[in-house]
Amino acid sequence: MRGGWLRAFLVVLGVAALFAIPRVTGNEYVLALGVSFATFSVLSGGLNLVYGYTGLLSFAQVGFFGIGGYTAALLVTEQDWSLWAGAAAGGVLAALVGLVIGYSSLRLSRHAFAIVSLSFALLCLIVALEWVSLTRGAMGIPGLPVPTLSLPGGLRWRLGRPATSTICCWASRWSPMP
C-alpha cells in the first residue's frame, strides 16, 4: 500500500513540474519540446489503448488527431468560435468519424484491420495536403490563438496535455478492460 501512495505522490509531483515549466523558463525551445512531448504522449496513449488492450494494430489515430485538429483550427479561425468550443467540436467530430471507421472495420482480421487503418491515415494525410482551399496544405492554418487557462497563483496552462496524458495513462492501469 505504501508503494501506491509513493507512486501517486511522484505522479502528482511530475504533473506539478510540467505545469511549472512555462513559469520557470521563457525558452521557446523548451516550450516547443513540451508541446511535442504532449502531442506524442497523446498519440502513444491512443496506440497503447488500441494495441495494448485489443491486440489490433491501428494507424488511424493519427487521422483522427488530424481531423480533430483541423476542425478546431478552422472553427476558431474561420467561424470565430472560442478555442475551447472549437477543441470540443473537433474532438466530437473525430470521435464520430472514429465510430464510423471502427464499426465498419472491426469485423476484419488483424492484418486487414491494420491495412484499413493505414489506408485511412494516408487518406487523411492526402486530403490535408492537397485540399489547399480548405486546409491551406503544407502552409497550415495561421492565426490560432495561444490557449490559456488561468490557474491559482497566476500559473498559465500551456503544458496541460502532458499532465492530462500522464494522469490518464496512470489511471488506465486500473481499467476494467482485459
N, C-alpha and C. Protein backbone atom coordinates (compact mmCIF):
# COMPACT_ATOMS: atom_id res chain seq x y z
N MET A 1 0.82 -1.20 0.00
CA MET A 1 0.00 0.00 0.00
C MET A 1 0.86 1.25 0.00
N ARG A 2 1.99 1.18 0.71
CA ARG A 2 2.85 2.35 0.79
C ARG A 2 3.43 2.70 -0.57
N GLY A 3 3.74 1.69 -1.40
CA GLY A 3 4.27 1.93 -2.73
C GLY A 3 3.27 2.65 -3.62
N GLY A 4 1.97 2.35 -3.44
CA GLY A 4 0.93 3.01 -4.22
C GLY A 4 0.85 4.50 -3.93
N TRP A 5 0.95 4.84 -2.65
CA TRP A 5 0.91 6.25 -2.27
C TRP A 5 2.15 6.98 -2.77
N LEU A 6 3.29 6.31 -2.71
CA LEU A 6 4.52 6.93 -3.19
C LEU A 6 4.44 7.17 -4.69
N ARG A 7 3.93 6.20 -5.42
CA ARG A 7 3.77 6.36 -6.87
C ARG A 7 2.81 7.49 -7.20
N ALA A 8 1.70 7.57 -6.47
CA ALA A 8 0.73 8.65 -6.69
C ALA A 8 1.37 10.01 -6.39
N PHE A 9 2.15 10.07 -5.34
CA PHE A 9 2.83 11.32 -4.99
C PHE A 9 3.81 11.72 -6.08
N LEU A 10 4.55 10.76 -6.63
CA LEU A 10 5.50 11.06 -7.69
C LEU A 10 4.80 11.52 -8.96
N VAL A 11 3.64 10.95 -9.26
CA VAL A 11 2.87 11.39 -10.44
C VAL A 11 2.40 12.82 -10.24
N VAL A 12 1.86 13.13 -9.06
CA VAL A 12 1.41 14.50 -8.78
C VAL A 12 2.59 15.47 -8.83
N LEU A 13 3.73 15.05 -8.31
CA LEU A 13 4.92 15.90 -8.36
C LEU A 13 5.36 16.14 -9.80
N GLY A 14 5.30 15.10 -10.64
CA GLY A 14 5.65 15.24 -12.04
C GLY A 14 4.70 16.17 -12.78
N VAL A 15 3.41 16.05 -12.48
CA VAL A 15 2.42 16.93 -13.11
C VAL A 15 2.65 18.37 -12.68
N ALA A 16 2.95 18.58 -11.41
CA ALA A 16 3.24 19.93 -10.93
C ALA A 16 4.48 20.50 -11.62
N ALA A 17 5.48 19.66 -11.85
CA ALA A 17 6.68 20.11 -12.55
C ALA A 17 6.35 20.50 -13.99
N LEU A 18 5.46 19.75 -14.64
CA LEU A 18 5.06 20.10 -16.01
C LEU A 18 4.34 21.43 -16.05
N PHE A 19 3.49 21.69 -15.06
CA PHE A 19 2.80 22.97 -15.02
C PHE A 19 3.76 24.13 -14.71
N ALA A 20 4.85 23.84 -14.04
CA ALA A 20 5.79 24.90 -13.66
C ALA A 20 6.77 25.25 -14.76
N ILE A 21 6.91 24.41 -15.77
CA ILE A 21 7.91 24.65 -16.82
C ILE A 21 7.74 26.02 -17.49
N PRO A 22 6.53 26.41 -17.93
CA PRO A 22 6.42 27.73 -18.57
C PRO A 22 6.76 28.88 -17.63
N ARG A 23 6.56 28.67 -16.34
CA ARG A 23 6.83 29.72 -15.36
C ARG A 23 8.33 29.84 -15.10
N VAL A 24 9.02 28.71 -15.14
CA VAL A 24 10.44 28.69 -14.81
C VAL A 24 11.29 29.16 -15.98
N THR A 25 10.92 28.75 -17.19
CA THR A 25 11.74 29.09 -18.35
C THR A 25 10.93 29.87 -19.37
N GLY A 26 11.57 30.78 -20.03
CA GLY A 26 10.95 31.50 -21.13
C GLY A 26 11.52 31.02 -22.46
N ASN A 27 12.29 29.95 -22.40
CA ASN A 27 12.95 29.41 -23.58
C ASN A 27 11.90 28.78 -24.50
N GLU A 28 11.80 29.31 -25.71
CA GLU A 28 10.81 28.81 -26.67
C GLU A 28 11.10 27.36 -27.08
N TYR A 29 12.38 26.99 -27.12
CA TYR A 29 12.72 25.62 -27.48
C TYR A 29 12.17 24.63 -26.46
N VAL A 30 12.32 24.95 -25.20
CA VAL A 30 11.81 24.06 -24.14
C VAL A 30 10.29 23.97 -24.22
N LEU A 31 9.62 25.08 -24.48
CA LEU A 31 8.16 25.05 -24.60
C LEU A 31 7.72 24.25 -25.83
N ALA A 32 8.42 24.43 -26.96
CA ALA A 32 8.09 23.66 -28.16
C ALA A 32 8.36 22.18 -27.94
N LEU A 33 9.40 21.86 -27.23
CA LEU A 33 9.69 20.47 -26.90
C LEU A 33 8.60 19.89 -26.01
N GLY A 34 8.10 20.68 -25.08
CA GLY A 34 7.00 20.23 -24.22
C GLY A 34 5.73 19.99 -25.00
N VAL A 35 5.45 20.85 -25.97
CA VAL A 35 4.26 20.66 -26.81
C VAL A 35 4.40 19.39 -27.65
N SER A 36 5.60 19.17 -28.20
CA SER A 36 5.84 17.94 -28.96
C SER A 36 5.69 16.71 -28.07
N PHE A 37 6.21 16.79 -26.87
CA PHE A 37 6.06 15.71 -25.91
C PHE A 37 4.58 15.44 -25.63
N ALA A 38 3.82 16.50 -25.46
CA ALA A 38 2.39 16.35 -25.19
C ALA A 38 1.68 15.69 -26.36
N THR A 39 2.00 16.13 -27.57
CA THR A 39 1.36 15.56 -28.76
C THR A 39 1.67 14.08 -28.89
N PHE A 40 2.93 13.72 -28.76
CA PHE A 40 3.30 12.31 -28.92
C PHE A 40 2.81 11.46 -27.76
N SER A 41 2.68 12.04 -26.58
CA SER A 41 2.15 11.24 -25.47
C SER A 41 0.67 10.94 -25.66
N VAL A 42 -0.07 11.88 -26.23
CA VAL A 42 -1.48 11.61 -26.54
C VAL A 42 -1.59 10.52 -27.60
N LEU A 43 -0.78 10.62 -28.66
CA LEU A 43 -0.82 9.62 -29.72
C LEU A 43 -0.37 8.25 -29.22
N SER A 44 0.66 8.21 -28.40
CA SER A 44 1.12 6.91 -27.89
C SER A 44 0.13 6.33 -26.89
N GLY A 45 -0.57 7.18 -26.15
CA GLY A 45 -1.63 6.67 -25.27
C GLY A 45 -2.76 6.02 -26.06
N GLY A 46 -3.12 6.63 -27.20
CA GLY A 46 -4.14 6.03 -28.06
C GLY A 46 -3.68 4.71 -28.64
N LEU A 47 -2.40 4.63 -29.06
CA LEU A 47 -1.87 3.38 -29.57
C LEU A 47 -1.84 2.32 -28.48
N ASN A 48 -1.51 2.72 -27.25
CA ASN A 48 -1.50 1.77 -26.14
C ASN A 48 -2.90 1.22 -25.88
N LEU A 49 -3.90 2.07 -25.95
CA LEU A 49 -5.27 1.58 -25.73
C LEU A 49 -5.69 0.58 -26.79
N VAL A 50 -5.40 0.89 -28.06
CA VAL A 50 -5.85 0.02 -29.14
C VAL A 50 -5.01 -1.24 -29.22
N TYR A 51 -3.71 -1.09 -29.30
CA TYR A 51 -2.85 -2.26 -29.49
C TYR A 51 -2.61 -3.02 -28.19
N GLY A 52 -2.46 -2.29 -27.12
CA GLY A 52 -2.16 -2.94 -25.84
C GLY A 52 -3.31 -3.74 -25.27
N TYR A 53 -4.54 -3.25 -25.41
CA TYR A 53 -5.69 -3.94 -24.83
C TYR A 53 -6.39 -4.86 -25.81
N THR A 54 -6.42 -4.51 -27.09
CA THR A 54 -7.16 -5.35 -28.04
C THR A 54 -6.25 -6.18 -28.93
N GLY A 55 -5.00 -5.79 -29.05
CA GLY A 55 -4.08 -6.51 -29.90
C GLY A 55 -4.22 -6.16 -31.37
N LEU A 56 -5.01 -5.15 -31.69
CA LEU A 56 -5.18 -4.73 -33.08
C LEU A 56 -4.25 -3.56 -33.37
N LEU A 57 -3.42 -3.72 -34.40
CA LEU A 57 -2.50 -2.65 -34.78
C LEU A 57 -3.26 -1.63 -35.61
N SER A 58 -3.33 -0.40 -35.11
CA SER A 58 -4.09 0.64 -35.79
C SER A 58 -3.22 1.87 -36.01
N PHE A 59 -3.29 2.39 -37.22
CA PHE A 59 -2.59 3.62 -37.55
C PHE A 59 -3.57 4.78 -37.69
N ALA A 60 -4.83 4.52 -37.48
CA ALA A 60 -5.87 5.50 -37.77
C ALA A 60 -5.92 6.64 -36.76
N GLN A 61 -5.38 6.47 -35.56
CA GLN A 61 -5.49 7.55 -34.58
C GLN A 61 -4.80 8.82 -35.05
N VAL A 62 -3.81 8.69 -35.93
CA VAL A 62 -3.17 9.87 -36.49
C VAL A 62 -4.17 10.65 -37.34
N GLY A 63 -4.98 9.93 -38.12
CA GLY A 63 -6.02 10.58 -38.93
C GLY A 63 -7.06 11.26 -38.07
N PHE A 64 -7.48 10.59 -36.98
CA PHE A 64 -8.47 11.19 -36.08
C PHE A 64 -7.90 12.43 -35.40
N PHE A 65 -6.64 12.37 -35.04
CA PHE A 65 -5.96 13.51 -34.44
C PHE A 65 -5.97 14.69 -35.41
N GLY A 66 -5.69 14.42 -36.68
CA GLY A 66 -5.70 15.48 -37.70
C GLY A 66 -7.09 16.03 -37.94
N ILE A 67 -8.09 15.16 -37.99
CA ILE A 67 -9.47 15.62 -38.20
C ILE A 67 -9.90 16.53 -37.06
N GLY A 68 -9.62 16.14 -35.84
CA GLY A 68 -9.97 16.98 -34.70
C GLY A 68 -9.21 18.29 -34.70
N GLY A 69 -7.93 18.24 -35.01
CA GLY A 69 -7.11 19.45 -35.03
C GLY A 69 -7.53 20.43 -36.11
N TYR A 70 -7.73 19.92 -37.32
CA TYR A 70 -8.16 20.81 -38.41
C TYR A 70 -9.56 21.36 -38.15
N THR A 71 -10.45 20.54 -37.61
CA THR A 71 -11.80 21.03 -37.31
C THR A 71 -11.74 22.18 -36.30
N ALA A 72 -10.98 21.97 -35.23
CA ALA A 72 -10.87 23.02 -34.22
C ALA A 72 -10.24 24.28 -34.80
N ALA A 73 -9.16 24.11 -35.56
CA ALA A 73 -8.47 25.29 -36.11
C ALA A 73 -9.35 26.05 -37.09
N LEU A 74 -10.08 25.34 -37.94
CA LEU A 74 -10.95 26.02 -38.90
C LEU A 74 -12.13 26.70 -38.23
N LEU A 75 -12.69 26.09 -37.20
CA LEU A 75 -13.79 26.73 -36.49
C LEU A 75 -13.33 27.99 -35.76
N VAL A 76 -12.13 27.95 -35.21
CA VAL A 76 -11.63 29.11 -34.48
C VAL A 76 -11.26 30.25 -35.44
N THR A 77 -10.58 29.92 -36.54
CA THR A 77 -10.11 30.99 -37.43
C THR A 77 -11.16 31.46 -38.42
N GLU A 78 -11.99 30.57 -38.92
CA GLU A 78 -12.95 30.94 -39.96
C GLU A 78 -14.34 31.30 -39.41
N GLN A 79 -14.76 30.65 -38.34
CA GLN A 79 -16.11 30.87 -37.81
C GLN A 79 -16.12 31.65 -36.50
N ASP A 80 -14.96 32.07 -36.03
CA ASP A 80 -14.81 32.86 -34.80
C ASP A 80 -15.37 32.16 -33.57
N TRP A 81 -15.16 30.86 -33.48
CA TRP A 81 -15.53 30.12 -32.26
C TRP A 81 -14.46 30.36 -31.22
N SER A 82 -14.81 30.15 -29.97
CA SER A 82 -13.78 30.20 -28.93
C SER A 82 -12.88 28.98 -29.08
N LEU A 83 -11.68 29.09 -28.55
CA LEU A 83 -10.72 28.00 -28.69
C LEU A 83 -11.22 26.72 -28.03
N TRP A 84 -11.83 26.85 -26.87
CA TRP A 84 -12.27 25.67 -26.13
C TRP A 84 -13.47 25.02 -26.80
N ALA A 85 -14.39 25.81 -27.34
CA ALA A 85 -15.53 25.23 -28.06
C ALA A 85 -15.07 24.56 -29.35
N GLY A 86 -14.12 25.16 -30.04
CA GLY A 86 -13.58 24.55 -31.25
C GLY A 86 -12.88 23.24 -30.95
N ALA A 87 -12.11 23.20 -29.86
CA ALA A 87 -11.43 21.95 -29.48
C ALA A 87 -12.44 20.87 -29.13
N ALA A 88 -13.51 21.25 -28.43
CA ALA A 88 -14.54 20.26 -28.09
C ALA A 88 -15.24 19.75 -29.35
N ALA A 89 -15.55 20.65 -30.28
CA ALA A 89 -16.20 20.24 -31.52
C ALA A 89 -15.27 19.36 -32.35
N GLY A 90 -13.99 19.66 -32.37
CA GLY A 90 -13.03 18.83 -33.09
C GLY A 90 -12.94 17.43 -32.49
N GLY A 91 -12.96 17.36 -31.17
CA GLY A 91 -12.94 16.05 -30.51
C GLY A 91 -14.19 15.24 -30.80
N VAL A 92 -15.34 15.92 -30.80
CA VAL A 92 -16.59 15.21 -31.08
C VAL A 92 -16.61 14.70 -32.52
N LEU A 93 -16.18 15.53 -33.48
CA LEU A 93 -16.16 15.08 -34.88
C LEU A 93 -15.18 13.93 -35.08
N ALA A 94 -14.01 14.01 -34.45
CA ALA A 94 -13.04 12.92 -34.55
C ALA A 94 -13.61 11.63 -33.95
N ALA A 95 -14.33 11.74 -32.84
CA ALA A 95 -14.94 10.56 -32.23
C ALA A 95 -16.01 9.97 -33.13
N LEU A 96 -16.81 10.82 -33.76
CA LEU A 96 -17.85 10.31 -34.67
C LEU A 96 -17.24 9.62 -35.88
N VAL A 97 -16.20 10.20 -36.45
CA VAL A 97 -15.53 9.54 -37.58
C VAL A 97 -14.89 8.23 -37.10
N GLY A 98 -14.35 8.23 -35.91
CA GLY A 98 -13.79 7.01 -35.35
C GLY A 98 -14.82 5.92 -35.16
N LEU A 99 -16.02 6.30 -34.74
CA LEU A 99 -17.10 5.31 -34.61
C LEU A 99 -17.47 4.72 -35.96
N VAL A 100 -17.55 5.55 -36.97
CA VAL A 100 -17.91 5.06 -38.30
C VAL A 100 -16.83 4.12 -38.84
N ILE A 101 -15.57 4.56 -38.77
CA ILE A 101 -14.47 3.73 -39.26
C ILE A 101 -14.34 2.46 -38.42
N GLY A 102 -14.47 2.59 -37.12
CA GLY A 102 -14.34 1.42 -36.25
C GLY A 102 -15.45 0.41 -36.45
N TYR A 103 -16.67 0.89 -36.58
CA TYR A 103 -17.80 -0.02 -36.76
C TYR A 103 -17.67 -0.79 -38.07
N SER A 104 -17.19 -0.11 -39.10
CA SER A 104 -17.10 -0.77 -40.40
C SER A 104 -15.88 -1.66 -40.55
N SER A 105 -14.87 -1.52 -39.69
CA SER A 105 -13.64 -2.28 -39.89
C SER A 105 -13.31 -3.27 -38.77
N LEU A 106 -14.05 -3.28 -37.68
CA LEU A 106 -13.70 -4.18 -36.58
C LEU A 106 -14.00 -5.64 -36.88
N ARG A 107 -14.78 -5.91 -37.89
CA ARG A 107 -15.07 -7.30 -38.25
C ARG A 107 -13.96 -7.92 -39.09
N LEU A 108 -12.98 -7.15 -39.45
CA LEU A 108 -11.89 -7.64 -40.30
C LEU A 108 -10.86 -8.40 -39.47
N SER A 109 -10.03 -9.18 -40.17
CA SER A 109 -8.94 -9.88 -39.48
C SER A 109 -7.90 -8.85 -39.06
N ARG A 110 -6.94 -9.28 -38.28
CA ARG A 110 -5.93 -8.35 -37.76
C ARG A 110 -5.15 -7.67 -38.88
N HIS A 111 -4.72 -8.44 -39.86
CA HIS A 111 -3.93 -7.86 -40.94
C HIS A 111 -4.76 -6.89 -41.77
N ALA A 112 -5.97 -7.27 -42.09
CA ALA A 112 -6.84 -6.40 -42.88
C ALA A 112 -7.18 -5.13 -42.10
N PHE A 113 -7.37 -5.25 -40.80
CA PHE A 113 -7.65 -4.08 -39.96
C PHE A 113 -6.48 -3.10 -40.00
N ALA A 114 -5.26 -3.62 -39.92
CA ALA A 114 -4.08 -2.76 -39.98
C ALA A 114 -4.00 -2.05 -41.33
N ILE A 115 -4.31 -2.76 -42.40
CA ILE A 115 -4.26 -2.14 -43.74
C ILE A 115 -5.33 -1.08 -43.89
N VAL A 116 -6.55 -1.35 -43.40
CA VAL A 116 -7.62 -0.36 -43.47
C VAL A 116 -7.27 0.89 -42.66
N SER A 117 -6.73 0.69 -41.47
CA SER A 117 -6.39 1.85 -40.65
C SER A 117 -5.24 2.64 -41.26
N LEU A 118 -4.27 1.96 -41.87
CA LEU A 118 -3.19 2.67 -42.54
C LEU A 118 -3.70 3.43 -43.75
N SER A 119 -4.62 2.82 -44.49
CA SER A 119 -5.22 3.50 -45.65
C SER A 119 -5.99 4.74 -45.22
N PHE A 120 -6.71 4.65 -44.11
CA PHE A 120 -7.45 5.82 -43.61
C PHE A 120 -6.49 6.94 -43.21
N ALA A 121 -5.41 6.58 -42.53
CA ALA A 121 -4.44 7.60 -42.12
C ALA A 121 -3.80 8.26 -43.33
N LEU A 122 -3.47 7.48 -44.35
CA LEU A 122 -2.89 8.06 -45.56
C LEU A 122 -3.90 8.91 -46.31
N LEU A 123 -5.16 8.49 -46.33
CA LEU A 123 -6.21 9.31 -46.95
C LEU A 123 -6.34 10.66 -46.25
N CYS A 124 -6.29 10.65 -44.94
CA CYS A 124 -6.35 11.91 -44.19
C CYS A 124 -5.15 12.80 -44.50
N LEU A 125 -3.97 12.20 -44.64
CA LEU A 125 -2.78 12.97 -44.99
C LEU A 125 -2.91 13.59 -46.37
N ILE A 126 -3.39 12.81 -47.33
CA ILE A 126 -3.55 13.32 -48.70
C ILE A 126 -4.56 14.46 -48.73
N VAL A 127 -5.68 14.30 -48.03
CA VAL A 127 -6.69 15.36 -48.00
C VAL A 127 -6.12 16.62 -47.34
N ALA A 128 -5.39 16.46 -46.25
CA ALA A 128 -4.83 17.62 -45.56
C ALA A 128 -3.82 18.36 -46.42
N LEU A 129 -3.06 17.65 -47.21
CA LEU A 129 -2.04 18.30 -48.03
C LEU A 129 -2.57 18.83 -49.35
N GLU A 130 -3.54 18.16 -49.94
CA GLU A 130 -3.97 18.51 -51.29
C GLU A 130 -5.20 19.42 -51.35
N TRP A 131 -6.01 19.45 -50.33
CA TRP A 131 -7.20 20.30 -50.34
C TRP A 131 -6.81 21.68 -49.81
N VAL A 132 -6.05 22.39 -50.61
CA VAL A 132 -5.43 23.65 -50.19
C VAL A 132 -6.47 24.72 -49.88
N SER A 133 -7.60 24.73 -50.59
CA SER A 133 -8.60 25.77 -50.35
C SER A 133 -9.22 25.65 -48.96
N LEU A 134 -9.19 24.46 -48.38
CA LEU A 134 -9.75 24.28 -47.03
C LEU A 134 -8.66 24.26 -45.97
N THR A 135 -7.64 23.44 -46.17
CA THR A 135 -6.63 23.23 -45.13
C THR A 135 -5.38 24.07 -45.31
N ARG A 136 -5.26 24.76 -46.44
CA ARG A 136 -4.08 25.54 -46.80
C ARG A 136 -2.85 24.65 -46.97
N GLY A 137 -3.06 23.36 -47.15
CA GLY A 137 -1.99 22.42 -47.47
C GLY A 137 -0.87 22.41 -46.46
N ALA A 138 0.35 22.41 -46.99
CA ALA A 138 1.53 22.33 -46.13
C ALA A 138 1.79 23.65 -45.39
N MET A 139 1.13 24.73 -45.79
CA MET A 139 1.34 26.02 -45.13
C MET A 139 0.69 26.05 -43.75
N GLY A 140 -0.33 25.24 -43.53
CA GLY A 140 -1.00 25.22 -42.24
C GLY A 140 -2.02 26.33 -42.10
N ILE A 141 -2.58 26.43 -40.92
CA ILE A 141 -3.62 27.42 -40.65
C ILE A 141 -3.04 28.48 -39.71
N PRO A 142 -2.82 29.70 -40.22
CA PRO A 142 -2.24 30.74 -39.36
C PRO A 142 -3.30 31.43 -38.50
N GLY A 143 -2.84 32.13 -37.50
CA GLY A 143 -3.72 32.97 -36.70
C GLY A 143 -4.42 32.28 -35.56
N LEU A 144 -3.93 31.12 -35.13
CA LEU A 144 -4.55 30.46 -33.98
C LEU A 144 -4.13 31.14 -32.69
N PRO A 145 -5.07 31.37 -31.79
CA PRO A 145 -4.69 31.98 -30.52
C PRO A 145 -3.96 30.98 -29.62
N VAL A 146 -3.14 31.50 -28.74
CA VAL A 146 -2.45 30.65 -27.77
C VAL A 146 -3.45 30.28 -26.68
N PRO A 147 -3.61 28.98 -26.41
CA PRO A 147 -4.57 28.60 -25.36
C PRO A 147 -4.04 28.98 -23.99
N THR A 148 -4.89 29.63 -23.23
CA THR A 148 -4.53 29.98 -21.86
C THR A 148 -5.68 29.62 -20.95
N LEU A 149 -5.33 29.30 -19.75
CA LEU A 149 -6.31 29.00 -18.72
C LEU A 149 -5.72 29.48 -17.41
N SER A 150 -6.37 30.41 -16.76
CA SER A 150 -5.84 30.96 -15.51
C SER A 150 -5.98 29.92 -14.41
N LEU A 151 -4.88 29.71 -13.73
CA LEU A 151 -4.84 28.76 -12.62
C LEU A 151 -4.46 29.52 -11.35
N PRO A 152 -4.70 28.94 -10.21
CA PRO A 152 -4.33 29.62 -8.96
C PRO A 152 -2.84 29.95 -8.93
N GLY A 153 -2.54 31.09 -8.41
CA GLY A 153 -1.15 31.52 -8.30
C GLY A 153 -0.62 32.15 -9.57
N GLY A 154 -1.49 32.43 -10.55
CA GLY A 154 -1.05 33.08 -11.76
C GLY A 154 -0.44 32.14 -12.78
N LEU A 155 -0.45 30.84 -12.52
CA LEU A 155 0.09 29.90 -13.50
C LEU A 155 -0.79 29.88 -14.73
N ARG A 156 -0.19 29.68 -15.85
CA ARG A 156 -0.95 29.58 -17.10
C ARG A 156 -0.80 28.17 -17.62
N TRP A 157 -1.87 27.69 -18.24
CA TRP A 157 -1.91 26.32 -18.73
C TRP A 157 -1.41 26.26 -20.16
N ARG A 158 -0.20 25.81 -20.33
CA ARG A 158 0.33 25.59 -21.67
C ARG A 158 0.69 24.13 -21.88
N LEU A 159 1.12 23.49 -20.82
CA LEU A 159 1.53 22.10 -20.94
C LEU A 159 0.54 21.19 -20.20
N GLY A 160 -0.74 21.52 -20.29
CA GLY A 160 -1.76 20.71 -19.64
C GLY A 160 -1.95 19.37 -20.30
N ARG A 161 -1.65 19.27 -21.60
CA ARG A 161 -1.81 17.98 -22.28
C ARG A 161 -0.88 16.92 -21.73
N PRO A 162 0.42 17.19 -21.50
CA PRO A 162 1.23 16.12 -20.93
C PRO A 162 0.77 15.75 -19.52
N ALA A 163 0.30 16.74 -18.77
CA ALA A 163 -0.19 16.44 -17.44
C ALA A 163 -1.44 15.58 -17.52
N THR A 164 -2.36 15.93 -18.39
CA THR A 164 -3.57 15.14 -18.57
C THR A 164 -3.25 13.76 -19.09
N SER A 165 -2.32 13.66 -20.03
CA SER A 165 -1.92 12.36 -20.57
C SER A 165 -1.32 11.48 -19.48
N THR A 166 -0.47 12.07 -18.66
CA THR A 166 0.15 11.31 -17.59
C THR A 166 -0.89 10.78 -16.62
N ILE A 167 -1.84 11.62 -16.26
CA ILE A 167 -2.89 11.19 -15.33
C ILE A 167 -3.74 10.09 -15.97
N CYS A 168 -4.12 10.25 -17.24
CA CYS A 168 -4.97 9.24 -17.91
C CYS A 168 -4.24 7.92 -18.07
N CYS A 169 -2.98 7.96 -18.46
CA CYS A 169 -2.23 6.70 -18.60
C CYS A 169 -2.05 6.02 -17.25
N TRP A 170 -1.80 6.81 -16.23
CA TRP A 170 -1.64 6.25 -14.89
C TRP A 170 -2.96 5.65 -14.42
N ALA A 171 -4.08 6.33 -14.69
CA ALA A 171 -5.38 5.83 -14.27
C ALA A 171 -5.83 4.62 -15.08
N SER A 172 -5.36 4.51 -16.33
CA SER A 172 -5.79 3.38 -17.16
C SER A 172 -5.20 2.07 -16.70
N ARG A 173 -4.25 2.10 -15.82
CA ARG A 173 -3.69 0.85 -15.29
C ARG A 173 -4.74 0.07 -14.49
N TRP A 174 -5.74 0.76 -13.96
CA TRP A 174 -6.78 0.10 -13.19
C TRP A 174 -8.08 -0.02 -13.96
N SER A 175 -7.96 0.08 -15.29
CA SER A 175 -9.13 -0.04 -16.15
C SER A 175 -9.67 -1.47 -16.10
N PRO A 176 -11.00 -1.64 -16.17
CA PRO A 176 -11.55 -2.99 -16.15
C PRO A 176 -11.35 -3.74 -17.45
N MET A 177 -10.76 -3.11 -18.46
CA MET A 177 -10.55 -3.77 -19.74
C MET A 177 -9.54 -4.90 -19.55
N PRO A 178 -9.73 -6.05 -20.22
CA PRO A 178 -8.78 -7.15 -20.05
C PRO A 178 -7.45 -6.88 -20.69
